[in-house]
C-alpha atoms as a PDB file:
ATOM      1  CA  MET A   1       0.000   0.000   0.000  1.00  0.00           C
ATOM      2  CA  PRO A   2       1.457   3.416  -0.923  1.00  0.00           C
ATOM      3  CA  MET A   3       2.427   5.716   1.948  1.00  0.00           C
ATOM      4  CA  ALA A   4      -0.216   8.354   1.009  1.00  0.00           C
ATOM      5  CA  ALA A   5      -3.020   5.774   1.073  1.00  0.00           C
ATOM      6  CA  ARG A   6      -1.792   4.421   4.370  1.00  0.00           C
ATOM      7  CA  ALA A   7      -1.820   7.935   5.918  1.00  0.00           C
ATOM      8  CA  ALA A   8      -5.337   8.606   4.614  1.00  0.00           C
ATOM      9  CA  GLN A   9      -6.821   5.840   6.727  1.00  0.00           C
ATOM     10  CA  PHE A  10      -5.765   7.740   9.854  1.00  0.00           C
ATOM     11  CA  ALA A  11      -7.222  11.094   8.713  1.00  0.00           C
ATOM     12  CA  PRO A  12      -9.774  12.624  11.100  1.00  0.00           C
ATOM     13  CA  PHE A  13     -13.304  11.412  10.553  1.00  0.00           C
ATOM     14  CA  SER A  14     -15.847  14.223  10.342  1.00  0.00           C
ATOM     15  CA  ALA A  15     -19.235  12.519  10.381  1.00  0.00           C
ATOM     16  CA  LEU A  16     -20.941  15.620  11.733  1.00  0.00           C
ATOM     17  CA  THR A  17     -20.103  18.128   9.020  1.00  0.00           C
ATOM     18  CA  GLY A  18     -21.232  21.592  10.073  1.00  0.00           C
ATOM     19  CA  HIS A  19     -21.636  20.565  13.714  1.00  0.00           C
ATOM     20  CA  ASP A  20     -18.950  22.969  14.952  1.00  0.00           C
ATOM     21  CA  GLU A  21     -20.590  25.856  13.084  1.00  0.00           C
ATOM     22  CA  ALA A  22     -24.008  24.991  14.530  1.00  0.00           C
ATOM     23  CA  ILE A  23     -22.596  24.948  18.062  1.00  0.00           C
ATOM     24  CA  ALA A  24     -20.864  28.305  17.502  1.00  0.00           C
ATOM     25  CA  GLU A  25     -24.122  29.835  16.196  1.00  0.00           C
ATOM     26  CA  THR A  26     -26.085  28.523  19.172  1.00  0.00           C
ATOM     27  CA  ALA A  27     -23.490  29.878  21.585  1.00  0.00           C
ATOM     28  CA  ARG A  28     -23.541  33.358  19.984  1.00  0.00           C
ATOM     29  CA  LEU A  29     -25.411  35.690  22.285  1.00  0.00           C
ATOM     30  CA  THR A  30     -27.991  38.268  21.277  1.00  0.00           C
ATOM     31  CA  THR A  31     -29.916  40.800  23.320  1.00  0.00           C
ATOM     32  CA  GLU A  32     -33.503  41.912  23.102  1.00  0.00           C
ATOM     33  CA  LYS A  33     -34.412  45.415  21.958  1.00  0.00           C
ATOM     34  CA  ILE A  34     -35.317  47.720  24.839  1.00  0.00           C
ATOM     35  CA  GLU A  35     -38.684  49.367  24.310  1.00  0.00           C
ATOM     36  CA  LEU A  36     -38.543  53.062  25.149  1.00  0.00           C
ATOM     37  CA  THR A  37     -41.273  54.968  26.936  1.00  0.00           C
ATOM     38  CA  PRO A  38     -42.871  57.927  25.151  1.00  0.00           C
ATOM     39  CA  GLU A  39     -40.903  60.244  27.450  1.00  0.00           C
ATOM     40  CA  GLU A  40     -37.608  58.591  26.474  1.00  0.00           C
ATOM     41  CA  GLN A  41     -38.528  58.779  22.785  1.00  0.00           C
ATOM     42  CA  ASP A  42     -39.338  62.482  23.181  1.00  0.00           C
ATOM     43  CA  ARG A  43     -36.013  63.105  24.928  1.00  0.00           C
ATOM     44  CA  ILE A  44     -34.117  61.418  22.073  1.00  0.00           C
ATOM     45  CA  SER A  45     -36.071  63.455  19.528  1.00  0.00           C
ATOM     46  CA  ARG A  46     -35.196  66.699  21.335  1.00  0.00           C
ATOM     47  CA  ARG A  47     -31.517  65.748  21.564  1.00  0.00           C
ATOM     48  CA  LEU A  48     -31.395  64.922  17.839  1.00  0.00           C
ATOM     49  CA  THR A  49     -33.111  68.201  16.941  1.00  0.00           C
ATOM     50  CA  TYR A  50     -30.643  70.146  19.098  1.00  0.00           C
ATOM     51  CA  ALA A  51     -27.677  68.346  17.524  1.00  0.00           C
ATOM     52  CA  ILE A  52     -28.931  69.103  14.020  1.00  0.00           C
ATOM     53  CA  GLU A  53     -29.633  72.776  14.788  1.00  0.00           C
ATOM     54  CA  HIS A  54     -26.192  73.297  16.371  1.00  0.00           C
ATOM     55  CA  HIS A  55     -24.205  71.012  14.006  1.00  0.00           C
ATOM     56  CA  LEU A  56     -22.899  68.935  16.919  1.00  0.00           C
ATOM     57  CA  GLN A  57     -21.052  65.668  16.624  1.00  0.00           C
ATOM     58  CA  VAL A  58     -23.145  62.931  18.225  1.00  0.00           C
ATOM     59  CA  SER A  59     -22.693  59.456  19.604  1.00  0.00           C
ATOM     60  CA  ILE A  60     -25.713  57.309  18.735  1.00  0.00           C
ATOM     61  CA  THR A  61     -26.388  53.869  20.178  1.00  0.00           C
ATOM     62  CA  TYR A  62     -28.936  51.907  18.174  1.00  0.00           C
ATOM     63  CA  PHE A  63     -30.293  48.364  17.919  1.00  0.00           C
ATOM     64  CA  CYS A  64     -29.221  46.115  15.036  1.00  0.00           C
ATOM     65  CA  PRO A  65     -31.496  43.096  14.626  1.00  0.00           C
ATOM     66  CA  ASP A  66     -29.775  39.754  14.085  1.00  0.00           C
ATOM     67  CA  ILE A  67     -30.608  38.154  10.744  1.00  0.00           C
ATOM     68  CA  ALA A  68     -30.063  34.577  11.944  1.00  0.00           C
ATOM     69  CA  LYS A  69     -31.859  34.479  15.301  1.00  0.00           C
ATOM     70  CA  SER A  70     -34.160  36.510  17.519  1.00  0.00           C
ATOM     71  CA  GLY A  71     -32.747  39.585  19.189  1.00  0.00           C
ATOM     72  CA  GLY A  72     -29.704  41.490  18.046  1.00  0.00           C
ATOM     73  CA  SER A  73     -27.061  43.800  19.419  1.00  0.00           C
ATOM     74  CA  TYR A  74     -26.540  47.461  20.195  1.00  0.00           C
ATOM     75  CA  THR A  75     -23.998  49.398  18.150  1.00  0.00           C
ATOM     76  CA  THR A  76     -22.582  52.868  18.828  1.00  0.00           C
ATOM     77  CA  VAL A  77     -21.489  55.208  16.045  1.00  0.00           C
ATOM     78  CA  THR A  78     -20.253  58.783  16.058  1.00  0.00           C
ATOM     79  CA  GLY A  79     -20.559  61.516  13.490  1.00  0.00           C
ATOM     80  CA  HIS A  80     -22.529  64.538  12.385  1.00  0.00           C
ATOM     81  CA  ILE A  81     -26.128  64.185  11.289  1.00  0.00           C
ATOM     82  CA  LYS A  82     -26.269  65.165   7.620  1.00  0.00           C
ATOM     83  CA  LYS A  83     -30.046  64.938   7.280  1.00  0.00           C
ATOM     84  CA  VAL A  84     -33.215  63.252   8.474  1.00  0.00           C
ATOM     85  CA  ASP A  85     -35.055  61.303   5.790  1.00  0.00           C
ATOM     86  CA  GLU A  86     -38.645  61.570   6.937  1.00  0.00           C
ATOM     87  CA  SER A  87     -39.967  59.311   4.162  1.00  0.00           C
ATOM     88  CA  THR A  88     -37.983  56.354   5.535  1.00  0.00           C
ATOM     89  CA  SER A  89     -37.623  57.588   9.152  1.00  0.00           C
ATOM     90  CA  THR A  90     -33.850  57.330   9.043  1.00  0.00           C
ATOM     91  CA  LEU A  91     -30.927  59.527  10.017  1.00  0.00           C
ATOM     92  CA  VAL A  92     -28.155  60.002   7.505  1.00  0.00           C
ATOM     93  CA  LEU A  93     -24.740  60.628   9.055  1.00  0.00           C
ATOM     94  CA  ASP A  94     -21.874  62.475   7.399  1.00  0.00           C
ATOM     95  CA  ASN A  95     -20.323  59.122   6.386  1.00  0.00           C
ATOM     96  CA  ASN A  96     -23.654  58.213   4.650  1.00  0.00           C
ATOM     97  CA  GLN A  97     -24.503  55.611   7.288  1.00  0.00           C
ATOM     98  CA  LEU A  98     -28.265  55.156   7.692  1.00  0.00           C
ATOM     99  CA  ILE A  99     -29.785  54.692  11.135  1.00  0.00           C
ATOM    100  CA  PRO A 100     -33.494  53.889  11.513  1.00  0.00           C
ATOM    101  CA  VAL A 101     -34.902  56.382  14.020  1.00  0.00           C
ATOM    102  CA  ASP A 102     -37.026  53.765  15.797  1.00  0.00           C
ATOM    103  CA  THR A 103     -33.903  51.739  16.684  1.00  0.00           C
ATOM    104  CA  ILE A 104     -32.097  54.569  18.508  1.00  0.00           C
ATOM    105  CA  GLY A 105     -31.659  54.010  22.230  1.00  0.00           C
ATOM    106  CA  VAL A 106     -29.165  56.682  23.315  1.00  0.00           C
ATOM    107  CA  VAL A 107     -27.965  59.986  21.874  1.00  0.00           C
ATOM    108  CA  GLY A 108     -24.990  61.820  23.323  1.00  0.00           C
ATOM    109  CA  TYR A 109     -23.093  64.926  22.281  1.00  0.00           C
ATOM    110  CA  ILE A 110     -19.355  64.848  21.682  1.00  0.00           C
ATOM    111  CA  MET A 111     -17.598  68.047  22.645  1.00  0.00           C
END
């Protein structure tokens, strides 16, 4: 028997193809979106309006839904708000990143 064929018989057996990926996906954690009260939503709206009027750099934390499982994660970005697209209810930052307004959880000013 050739040496290569002999070595092949001792190669690892992977009967459960994709099993490691499935375990990693199950272990990946997501969080649920926090529902804001009307008062919190109003506060965020006022902070965004102030930032736009005064051309302030902002730090925005918003919820990104997970495409593979329920829940998602919160992401924080910084920049200047270029415009508010009222037809799609999104903010457009100076780097052209779109943020859906209904996903915003926290708005802070960067001085």
